[in-house]
């Protein structure tokens, strides 16, 4: 009556429907790429600001 496939079978069915990844593509998930690039930019900005502060107060 309320039969559902096991989660493993549902995942396998969903993965089988997906198209193959394009060659050389690193991120297949758009939001993951956005988060990665945002964190990378934040780290670079923090390093530049930190270096500027240290250079400013260096006596």
Protein backbone atom coordinates (compact mmCIF):
# COMPACT_ATOMS: atom_id res chain seq x y z
CA UNK A 1 0.00 0.00 0.00
CA UNK A 2 2.61 2.56 1.07
CA UNK A 3 5.59 0.79 -0.47
CA UNK A 4 8.57 2.96 -1.38
CA UNK A 5 11.87 1.84 -2.84
CA UNK A 6 14.80 1.77 -0.43
CA UNK A 7 16.85 4.96 -0.36
CA UNK A 8 19.78 3.27 -2.13
CA UNK A 9 17.59 2.35 -5.09
CA UNK A 10 16.08 5.82 -5.28
CA UNK A 11 19.54 7.40 -5.27
CA UNK A 12 20.74 4.96 -7.94
CA UNK A 13 17.71 5.76 -10.13
CA UNK A 14 18.32 9.49 -9.77
CA UNK A 15 22.04 9.14 -10.55
CA UNK A 16 21.24 7.03 -13.63
CA UNK A 17 19.02 9.81 -15.00
CA UNK A 18 21.74 12.46 -14.72
CA UNK A 19 23.81 13.37 -17.74
CA UNK A 20 27.56 12.72 -17.55
CA UNK A 21 29.80 15.53 -16.36
CA UNK A 22 31.51 17.69 -18.94
CA UNK A 23 35.22 17.03 -19.30
CA UNK A 24 37.37 19.32 -17.15
CA UNK A 25 34.46 20.56 -15.04
CA UNK A 26 35.41 20.81 -11.37
CA UNK A 27 32.12 21.75 -9.72
CA UNK A 28 28.91 20.15 -10.91
CA UNK A 29 26.90 22.06 -8.32
CA UNK A 30 26.61 25.83 -8.87
CA UNK A 31 26.11 26.86 -5.22
CA UNK A 32 29.18 24.83 -4.22
CA UNK A 33 31.27 26.83 -6.67
CA UNK A 34 29.82 30.09 -5.31
CA UNK A 35 30.64 29.13 -1.70
CA UNK A 36 34.15 28.01 -2.65
CA UNK A 37 34.96 31.20 -4.55
CA UNK A 38 33.43 33.37 -1.80
CA UNK A 39 35.54 31.72 0.89
CA UNK A 40 38.63 32.02 -1.27
CA UNK A 41 38.03 35.74 -1.82
CA UNK A 42 37.33 36.28 1.91
CA UNK A 43 40.63 34.62 2.89
CA UNK A 44 42.58 36.72 0.39
CA UNK A 45 40.92 39.94 1.59
CA UNK A 46 41.61 39.07 5.25
CA UNK A 47 45.27 38.42 4.47
CA UNK A 48 45.65 41.71 2.61
CA UNK A 49 43.93 43.67 5.39
CA UNK A 50 45.99 41.90 8.04
CA UNK A 51 49.22 42.65 6.19
CA UNK A 52 48.21 46.30 5.80
CA UNK A 53 47.48 46.61 9.53
CA UNK A 54 50.80 44.99 10.48
CA UNK A 55 52.67 47.25 8.06
CA UNK A 56 50.90 50.33 9.39
CA UNK A 57 51.74 49.67 13.06
CA UNK A 58 55.28 48.36 12.43
CA UNK A 59 57.71 50.65 14.20
